[in-house]
PDB file of N, CA and C in Angstrom:
ATOM      1  N   UNK A   1       0.743  -1.343   0.013  1.00  0.00           N
ATOM      2  CA  UNK A   1      -0.096   0.006   0.069  1.00  0.00           C
ATOM      3  C   UNK A   1       0.913   1.102  -0.058  1.00  0.00           C
ATOM      4  N   UNK A   2       0.474   2.207  -0.729  1.00  0.00           N
ATOM      5  CA  UNK A   2       1.292   3.480  -0.983  1.00  0.00           C
ATOM      6  C   UNK A   2       1.136   4.243   0.255  1.00  0.00           C
ATOM      7  N   UNK A   3       1.888   5.178   0.469  1.00  0.00           N
ATOM      8  CA  UNK A   3       1.991   5.870   1.690  1.00  0.00           C
ATOM      9  C   UNK A   3       1.725   7.488   1.381  1.00  0.00           C
ATOM     10  N   UNK A   4       1.544   8.330   2.401  1.00  0.00           N
ATOM     11  CA  UNK A   4       1.566   9.752   2.215  1.00  0.00           C
ATOM     12  C   UNK A   4       2.615  10.241   1.560  1.00  0.00           C
ATOM     13  N   UNK A   5       3.837   9.601   1.566  1.00  0.00           N
ATOM     14  CA  UNK A   5       4.880  10.055   0.862  1.00  0.00           C
ATOM     15  C   UNK A   5       4.905   9.880  -0.566  1.00  0.00           C
ATOM     16  N   UNK A   6       4.162   8.847  -0.972  1.00  0.00           N
ATOM     17  CA  UNK A   6       3.796   8.806  -2.470  1.00  0.00           C
ATOM     18  C   UNK A   6       2.993   9.897  -2.828  1.00  0.00           C
ATOM     19  N   UNK A   7       2.082  10.416  -2.126  1.00  0.00           N
ATOM     20  CA  UNK A   7       1.304  11.564  -2.519  1.00  0.00           C
ATOM     21  C   UNK A   7       2.186  12.683  -2.617  1.00  0.00           C
ATOM     22  N   UNK A   8       3.143  12.929  -1.672  1.00  0.00           N
ATOM     23  CA  UNK A   8       3.876  14.094  -1.868  1.00  0.00           C
ATOM     24  C   UNK A   8       4.908  13.726  -2.936  1.00  0.00           C
ATOM     25  N   UNK A   9       5.333  12.877  -3.538  1.00  0.00           N
ATOM     26  CA  UNK A   9       6.013  12.443  -4.651  1.00  0.00           C
ATOM     27  C   UNK A   9       5.373  13.003  -5.837  1.00  0.00           C
ATOM     28  N   UNK A  10       4.086  12.557  -6.025  1.00  0.00           N
ATOM     29  CA  UNK A  10       3.344  12.902  -7.084  1.00  0.00           C
ATOM     30  C   UNK A  10       3.028  14.351  -7.218  1.00  0.00           C
ATOM     31  N   UNK A  11       2.871  14.872  -6.112  1.00  0.00           N
ATOM     32  CA  UNK A  11       2.726  16.576  -6.059  1.00  0.00           C
ATOM     33  C   UNK A  11       4.002  17.123  -6.332  1.00  0.00           C
ATOM     34  N   UNK A  12       5.196  16.805  -5.974  1.00  0.00           N
ATOM     35  CA  UNK A  12       6.277  17.297  -6.306  1.00  0.00           C
ATOM     36  C   UNK A  12       6.723  17.117  -7.920  1.00  0.00           C
ATOM     37  N   UNK A  13       6.165  16.095  -8.415  1.00  0.00           N
ATOM     38  CA  UNK A  13       6.547  15.828  -9.742  1.00  0.00           C
ATOM     39  C   UNK A  13       5.627  16.954 -10.522  1.00  0.00           C
ATOM     40  N   UNK A  14       4.545  17.269 -10.156  1.00  0.00           N
ATOM     41  CA  UNK A  14       3.614  18.255 -10.718  1.00  0.00           C
ATOM     42  C   UNK A  14       4.324  19.759 -10.752  1.00  0.00           C
ATOM     43  N   UNK A  15       4.933  20.148  -9.427  1.00  0.00           N
ATOM     44  CA  UNK A  15       5.493  21.071  -9.229  1.00  0.00           C
ATOM     45  C   UNK A  15       6.313  21.168  -7.819  1.00  0.00           C
ATOM     46  N   UNK A  16       7.719  20.914  -8.155  1.00  0.00           N
ATOM     47  CA  UNK A  16       8.570  21.013  -6.899  1.00  0.00           C
ATOM     48  C   UNK A  16       8.776  22.166  -6.250  1.00  0.00           C
ATOM     49  N   UNK A  17       8.348  23.373  -6.815  1.00  0.00           N
ATOM     50  CA  UNK A  17       8.724  24.660  -5.950  1.00  0.00           C
ATOM     51  C   UNK A  17       7.774  25.047  -4.806  1.00  0.00           C
ATOM     52  N   UNK A  18       6.674  24.061  -4.706  1.00  0.00           N
ATOM     53  CA  UNK A  18       5.501  24.404  -3.690  1.00  0.00           C
ATOM     54  C   UNK A  18       5.873  23.479  -2.476  1.00  0.00           C
ATOM     55  N   UNK A  19       5.829  24.171  -1.276  1.00  0.00           N
ATOM     56  CA  UNK A  19       5.879  23.324   0.010  1.00  0.00           C
ATOM     57  C   UNK A  19       4.440  22.880   0.253  1.00  0.00           C
ATOM     58  N   UNK A  20       4.291  21.581  -0.303  1.00  0.00           N
ATOM     59  CA  UNK A  20       2.995  20.972  -0.215  1.00  0.00           C
ATOM     60  C   UNK A  20       2.323  20.710   1.103  1.00  0.00           C
ATOM     61  N   UNK A  21       3.417  20.512   2.133  1.00  0.00           N
ATOM     62  CA  UNK A  21       2.853  20.115   3.550  1.00  0.00           C
ATOM     63  C   UNK A  21       2.231  21.425   4.045  1.00  0.00           C
ATOM     64  N   UNK A  22       2.870  22.457   3.710  1.00  0.00           N
ATOM     65  CA  UNK A  22       2.375  23.822   4.474  1.00  0.00           C
ATOM     66  C   UNK A  22       1.157  24.382   3.794  1.00  0.00           C
ATOM     67  N   UNK A  23       0.951  24.268   2.488  1.00  0.00           N
ATOM     68  CA  UNK A  23      -0.012  24.900   1.617  1.00  0.00           C
ATOM     69  C   UNK A  23      -1.402  24.399   1.995  1.00  0.00           C
ATOM     70  N   UNK A  24      -2.291  25.349   2.205  1.00  0.00           N
ATOM     71  CA  UNK A  24      -3.766  25.005   2.398  1.00  0.00           C
ATOM     72  C   UNK A  24      -4.553  25.861   1.104  1.00  0.00           C
ATOM     73  N   UNK A  25      -5.425  25.388   0.721  1.00  0.00           N
ATOM     74  CA  UNK A  25      -6.253  26.283  -0.223  1.00  0.00           C
ATOM     75  C   UNK A  25      -5.498  25.969  -1.719  1.00  0.00           C
ATOM     76  N   UNK A  26      -5.283  24.726  -1.861  1.00  0.00           N
ATOM     77  CA  UNK A  26      -4.579  24.677  -3.231  1.00  0.00           C
ATOM     78  C   UNK A  26      -5.322  24.786  -4.405  1.00  0.00           C
ATOM     79  N   UNK A  27      -6.581  24.608  -4.139  1.00  0.00           N
ATOM     80  CA  UNK A  27      -7.693  24.858  -5.491  1.00  0.00           C
ATOM     81  C   UNK A  27      -8.071  26.457  -5.220  1.00  0.00           C
ATOM     82  N   UNK A  28      -8.553  26.622  -4.096  1.00  0.00           N
ATOM     83  CA  UNK A  28      -9.061  27.957  -3.956  1.00  0.00           C
ATOM     84  C   UNK A  28      -8.228  29.011  -4.133  1.00  0.00           C
ATOM     85  N   UNK A  29      -7.005  28.847  -3.907  1.00  0.00           N
ATOM     86  CA  UNK A  29      -5.915  29.852  -4.066  1.00  0.00           C
ATOM     87  C   UNK A  29      -5.216  29.709  -5.546  1.00  0.00           C
ATOM     88  N   UNK A  30      -5.800  28.886  -6.402  1.00  0.00           N
ATOM     89  CA  UNK A  30      -5.087  28.529  -7.606  1.00  0.00           C
ATOM     90  C   UNK A  30      -3.824  28.120  -7.715  1.00  0.00           C
ATOM     91  N   UNK A  31      -3.373  27.388  -6.721  1.00  0.00           N
ATOM     92  CA  UNK A  31      -2.144  26.811  -6.714  1.00  0.00           C
ATOM     93  C   UNK A  31      -2.002  25.566  -7.593  1.00  0.00           C
ATOM     94  N   UNK A  32      -3.091  24.811  -7.379  1.00  0.00           N
ATOM     95  CA  UNK A  32      -3.523  23.711  -8.451  1.00  0.00           C
ATOM     96  C   UNK A  32      -4.596  24.181  -9.474  1.00  0.00           C
ATOM     97  N   UNK A  33      -4.165  24.414 -10.633  1.00  0.00           N
ATOM     98  CA  UNK A  33      -5.210  24.728 -11.798  1.00  0.00           C
ATOM     99  C   UNK A  33      -5.758  23.380 -12.284  1.00  0.00           C
ATOM    100  N   UNK A  34      -6.831  23.648 -13.156  1.00  0.00           N
ATOM    101  CA  UNK A  34      -7.725  22.390 -13.514  1.00  0.00           C
ATOM    102  C   UNK A  34      -6.991  21.309 -14.279  1.00  0.00           C
ATOM    103  N   UNK A  35      -5.833  21.816 -15.141  1.00  0.00           N
ATOM    104  CA  UNK A  35      -5.008  20.880 -15.727  1.00  0.00           C
ATOM    105  C   UNK A  35      -4.179  20.033 -14.741  1.00  0.00           C
ATOM    106  N   UNK A  36      -3.749  20.656 -13.585  1.00  0.00           N
ATOM    107  CA  UNK A  36      -3.022  20.051 -12.548  1.00  0.00           C
ATOM    108  C   UNK A  36      -3.989  18.976 -11.853  1.00  0.00           C
ATOM    109  N   UNK A  37      -5.020  19.525 -11.498  1.00  0.00           N
ATOM    110  CA  UNK A  37      -5.856  18.485 -10.782  1.00  0.00           C
ATOM    111  C   UNK A  37      -6.168  17.345 -11.859  1.00  0.00           C
ATOM    112  N   UNK A  38      -6.419  17.446 -13.058  1.00  0.00           N
ATOM    113  CA  UNK A  38      -6.775  16.281 -13.843  1.00  0.00           C
ATOM    114  C   UNK A  38      -5.430  15.356 -13.923  1.00  0.00           C
ATOM    115  N   UNK A  39      -4.405  15.981 -14.096  1.00  0.00           N
ATOM    116  CA  UNK A  39      -3.114  15.202 -13.934  1.00  0.00           C
ATOM    117  C   UNK A  39      -3.071  14.372 -12.540  1.00  0.00           C
ATOM    118  N   UNK A  40      -3.323  15.187 -11.567  1.00  0.00           N
ATOM    119  CA  UNK A  40      -3.195  14.635 -10.195  1.00  0.00           C
ATOM    120  C   UNK A  40      -4.148  13.383 -10.039  1.00  0.00           C
ATOM    121  N   UNK A  41      -5.377  13.612 -10.435  1.00  0.00           N
ATOM    122  CA  UNK A  41      -6.457  12.550 -10.204  1.00  0.00           C
ATOM    123  C   UNK A  41      -5.913  11.182 -11.086  1.00  0.00           C
ATOM    124  N   UNK A  42      -5.444  11.482 -12.242  1.00  0.00           N
ATOM    125  CA  UNK A  42      -4.961  10.267 -13.002  1.00  0.00           C
ATOM    126  C   UNK A  42      -3.734   9.486 -12.176  1.00  0.00           C
ATOM    127  N   UNK A  43      -2.896  10.262 -11.766  1.00  0.00           N
ATOM    128  CA  UNK A  43      -1.639   9.852 -11.031  1.00  0.00           C
ATOM    129  C   UNK A  43      -2.014   9.039  -9.571  1.00  0.00           C
ATOM    130  N   UNK A  44      -2.885   9.808  -9.047  1.00  0.00           N
ATOM    131  CA  UNK A  44      -3.612   9.119  -7.859  1.00  0.00           C
ATOM    132  C   UNK A  44      -4.318   7.784  -7.932  1.00  0.00           C
ATOM    133  N   UNK A  45      -5.098   7.786  -8.936  1.00  0.00           N
ATOM    134  CA  UNK A  45      -5.850   6.555  -9.378  1.00  0.00           C
ATOM    135  C   UNK A  45      -4.793   5.435  -9.755  1.00  0.00           C
ATOM    136  N   UNK A  46      -3.712   5.687 -10.382  1.00  0.00           N
ATOM    137  CA  UNK A  46      -2.629   4.890 -10.747  1.00  0.00           C
ATOM    138  C   UNK A  46      -1.976   4.259  -9.605  1.00  0.00           C
ATOM    139  N   UNK A  47      -1.594   5.266  -8.636  1.00  0.00           N
ATOM    140  CA  UNK A  47      -0.629   4.994  -7.526  1.00  0.00           C
ATOM    141  C   UNK A  47      -1.422   4.243  -6.378  1.00  0.00           C
ATOM    142  N   UNK A  48      -2.723   4.563  -6.259  1.00  0.00           N
ATOM    143  CA  UNK A  48      -3.411   4.029  -5.053  1.00  0.00           C
ATOM    144  C   UNK A  48      -4.439   3.110  -5.440  1.00  0.00           C
ATOM    145  N   UNK A  49      -4.720   2.850  -6.537  1.00  0.00           N
ATOM    146  CA  UNK A  49      -5.680   1.702  -7.155  1.00  0.00           C
ATOM    147  C   UNK A  49      -7.158   1.969  -6.905  1.00  0.00           C
ATOM    148  N   UNK A  50      -7.476   3.478  -6.817  1.00  0.00           N
ATOM    149  CA  UNK A  50      -8.776   3.858  -6.446  1.00  0.00           C
ATOM    150  C   UNK A  50      -9.306   4.756  -7.761  1.00  0.00           C
ATOM    151  N   UNK A  51     -10.672   4.648  -7.639  1.00  0.00           N
ATOM    152  CA  UNK A  51     -11.339   5.408  -8.763  1.00  0.00           C
ATOM    153  C   UNK A  51     -11.987   6.761  -8.229  1.00  0.00           C
ATOM    154  N   UNK A  52     -11.497   7.852  -8.720  1.00  0.00           N
ATOM    155  CA  UNK A  52     -11.939   9.244  -8.165  1.00  0.00           C
ATOM    156  C   UNK A  52     -13.223   9.705  -9.103  1.00  0.00           C
ATOM    157  N   UNK A  53     -14.441   9.602  -8.608  1.00  0.00           N
ATOM    158  CA  UNK A  53     -15.502   9.853  -9.453  1.00  0.00           C
ATOM    159  C   UNK A  53     -15.754  11.325  -9.293  1.00  0.00           C
ATOM    160  N   UNK A  54     -16.653  11.731 -10.272  1.00  0.00           N
ATOM    161  CA  UNK A  54     -16.707  13.395 -10.489  1.00  0.00           C
ATOM    162  C   UNK A  54     -17.394  13.801  -9.091  1.00  0.00           C
ATOM    163  N   UNK A  55     -18.067  13.168  -8.423  1.00  0.00           N
ATOM    164  CA  UNK A  55     -18.588  13.597  -7.087  1.00  0.00           C
ATOM    165  C   UNK A  55     -17.548  13.960  -6.106  1.00  0.00           C
ATOM    166  N   UNK A  56     -16.432  13.257  -6.258  1.00  0.00           N
ATOM    167  CA  UNK A  56     -15.144  13.651  -5.314  1.00  0.00           C
ATOM    168  C   UNK A  56     -14.421  14.758  -5.789  1.00  0.00           C
ATOM    169  N   UNK A  57     -14.611  15.149  -6.896  1.00  0.00           N
ATOM    170  CA  UNK A  57     -13.737  16.378  -7.442  1.00  0.00           C
ATOM    171  C   UNK A  57     -14.157  17.619  -7.280  1.00  0.00           C
ATOM    172  N   UNK A  58     -14.127  17.873  -5.914  1.00  0.00           N
ATOM    173  CA  UNK A  58     -14.480  19.109  -5.355  1.00  0.00           C
ATOM    174  C   UNK A  58     -13.446  19.872  -4.620  1.00  0.00           C
ATOM    175  N   UNK A  59     -13.399  21.114  -4.519  1.00  0.00           N
ATOM    176  CA  UNK A  59     -12.330  21.795  -4.046  1.00  0.00           C
ATOM    177  C   UNK A  59     -11.957  21.239  -2.518  1.00  0.00           C
ATOM    178  N   UNK A  60     -12.829  20.963  -1.796  1.00  0.00           N
ATOM    179  CA  UNK A  60     -12.566  20.539  -0.389  1.00  0.00           C
ATOM    180  C   UNK A  60     -11.672  19.311  -0.260  1.00  0.00           C
ATOM    181  N   UNK A  61     -11.731  18.500  -1.360  1.00  0.00           N
ATOM    182  CA  UNK A  61     -10.913  17.254  -1.297  1.00  0.00           C
ATOM    183  C   UNK A  61      -9.568  17.501  -1.883  1.00  0.00           C
ATOM    184  N   UNK A  62      -9.268  18.568  -2.405  1.00  0.00           N
ATOM    185  CA  UNK A  62      -7.822  18.878  -3.120  1.00  0.00           C
ATOM    186  C   UNK A  62      -7.265  20.090  -2.501  1.00  0.00           C
ATOM    187  N   UNK A  63      -7.700  20.676  -1.473  1.00  0.00           N
ATOM    188  CA  UNK A  63      -7.199  21.927  -0.964  1.00  0.00           C
ATOM    189  C   UNK A  63      -5.839  21.789  -0.078  1.00  0.00           C
ATOM    190  N   UNK A  64      -5.558  20.574   0.322  1.00  0.00           N
ATOM    191  CA  UNK A  64      -4.320  20.266   1.043  1.00  0.00           C
ATOM    192  C   UNK A  64      -4.042  19.035   0.915  1.00  0.00           C
ATOM    193  N   UNK A  65      -2.750  18.753   1.244  1.00  0.00           N
ATOM    194  CA  UNK A  65      -2.255  17.278   1.447  1.00  0.00           C
ATOM    195  C   UNK A  65      -3.158  16.471   2.252  1.00  0.00           C
ATOM    196  N   UNK A  66      -3.484  16.929   3.367  1.00  0.00           N
ATOM    197  CA  UNK A  66      -4.334  16.143   4.232  1.00  0.00           C
ATOM    198  C   UNK A  66      -5.796  15.859   3.779  1.00  0.00           C
ATOM    199  N   UNK A  67      -6.405  16.887   3.102  1.00  0.00           N
ATOM    200  CA  UNK A  67      -7.699  16.579   2.475  1.00  0.00           C
ATOM    201  C   UNK A  67      -7.501  15.485   1.279  1.00  0.00           C
ATOM    202  N   UNK A  68      -6.425  15.711   0.471  1.00  0.00           N
ATOM    203  CA  UNK A  68      -6.139  14.626  -0.676  1.00  0.00           C
ATOM    204  C   UNK A  68      -6.000  13.307   0.123  1.00  0.00           C
ATOM    205  N   UNK A  69      -5.354  13.263   1.007  1.00  0.00           N
ATOM    206  CA  UNK A  69      -4.919  11.807   1.807  1.00  0.00           C
ATOM    207  C   UNK A  69      -6.213  11.210   2.432  1.00  0.00           C
ATOM    208  N   UNK A  70      -7.013  12.158   3.124  1.00  0.00           N
ATOM    209  CA  UNK A  70      -8.160  11.666   3.658  1.00  0.00           C
ATOM    210  C   UNK A  70      -9.242  11.060   2.601  1.00  0.00           C
ATOM    211  N   UNK A  71      -9.156  11.660   1.465  1.00  0.00           N
ATOM    212  CA  UNK A  71      -9.970  11.192   0.239  1.00  0.00           C
ATOM    213  C   UNK A  71      -9.500   9.855  -0.098  1.00  0.00           C
ATOM    214  N   UNK A  72      -8.170   9.920  -0.319  1.00  0.00           N
ATOM    215  CA  UNK A  72      -7.605   8.456  -0.937  1.00  0.00           C
ATOM    216  C   UNK A  72      -8.025   7.281   0.152  1.00  0.00           C
ATOM    217  N   UNK A  73      -7.660   7.720   1.477  1.00  0.00           N
ATOM    218  CA  UNK A  73      -7.832   6.720   2.474  1.00  0.00           C
ATOM    219  C   UNK A  73      -9.444   6.452   2.375  1.00  0.00           C
ATOM    220  N   UNK A  74     -10.306   7.443   2.457  1.00  0.00           N
ATOM    221  CA  UNK A  74     -11.792   6.976   2.466  1.00  0.00           C
ATOM    222  C   UNK A  74     -12.027   6.127   0.993  1.00  0.00           C
ATOM    223  N   UNK A  75     -11.395   6.430  -0.161  1.00  0.00           N
ATOM    224  CA  UNK A  75     -11.671   5.695  -1.162  1.00  0.00           C
ATOM    225  C   UNK A  75     -11.273   4.150  -1.246  1.00  0.00           C
ATOM    226  N   UNK A  76     -10.096   4.111  -0.387  1.00  0.00           N
ATOM    227  CA  UNK A  76      -9.347   2.666  -0.447  1.00  0.00           C
ATOM    228  C   UNK A  76     -10.281   1.855   0.565  1.00  0.00           C
ATOM    229  N   UNK A  77     -10.851   2.475   1.466  1.00  0.00           N
ATOM    230  CA  UNK A  77     -11.596   1.647   2.455  1.00  0.00           C
ATOM    231  C   UNK A  77     -12.991   1.102   1.730  1.00  0.00           C
ATOM    232  N   UNK A  78     -13.303   1.736   0.717  1.00  0.00           N
ATOM    233  CA  UNK A  78     -14.499   1.239   0.018  1.00  0.00           C
ATOM    234  C   UNK A  78     -14.196   0.162  -1.004  1.00  0.00           C
ATOM    235  N   UNK A  79     -12.850  -0.177  -1.099  1.00  0.00           N
ATOM    236  CA  UNK A  79     -12.621  -1.345  -2.144  1.00  0.00           C
ATOM    237  C   UNK A  79     -12.832  -2.547  -1.572  1.00  0.00           C
TER     238      UNK A  79
END
């Protein structure tokens, strides 16, 4: 099972100039644009073996590393 470090690696591949652990409001503050979110979703699905449906694609699930991790954990529990 992949860890939160895997998530940080994925985010760093998108943009390594951002301190992902400290940032909040990743979507609300437009740190992650729509293209980055689509890329992130694809990478998360591949890395964690989950399916992120449209209903999950809300800013609250992508505004911080913790929020993304909570979503991944919740989706894995459904498997």
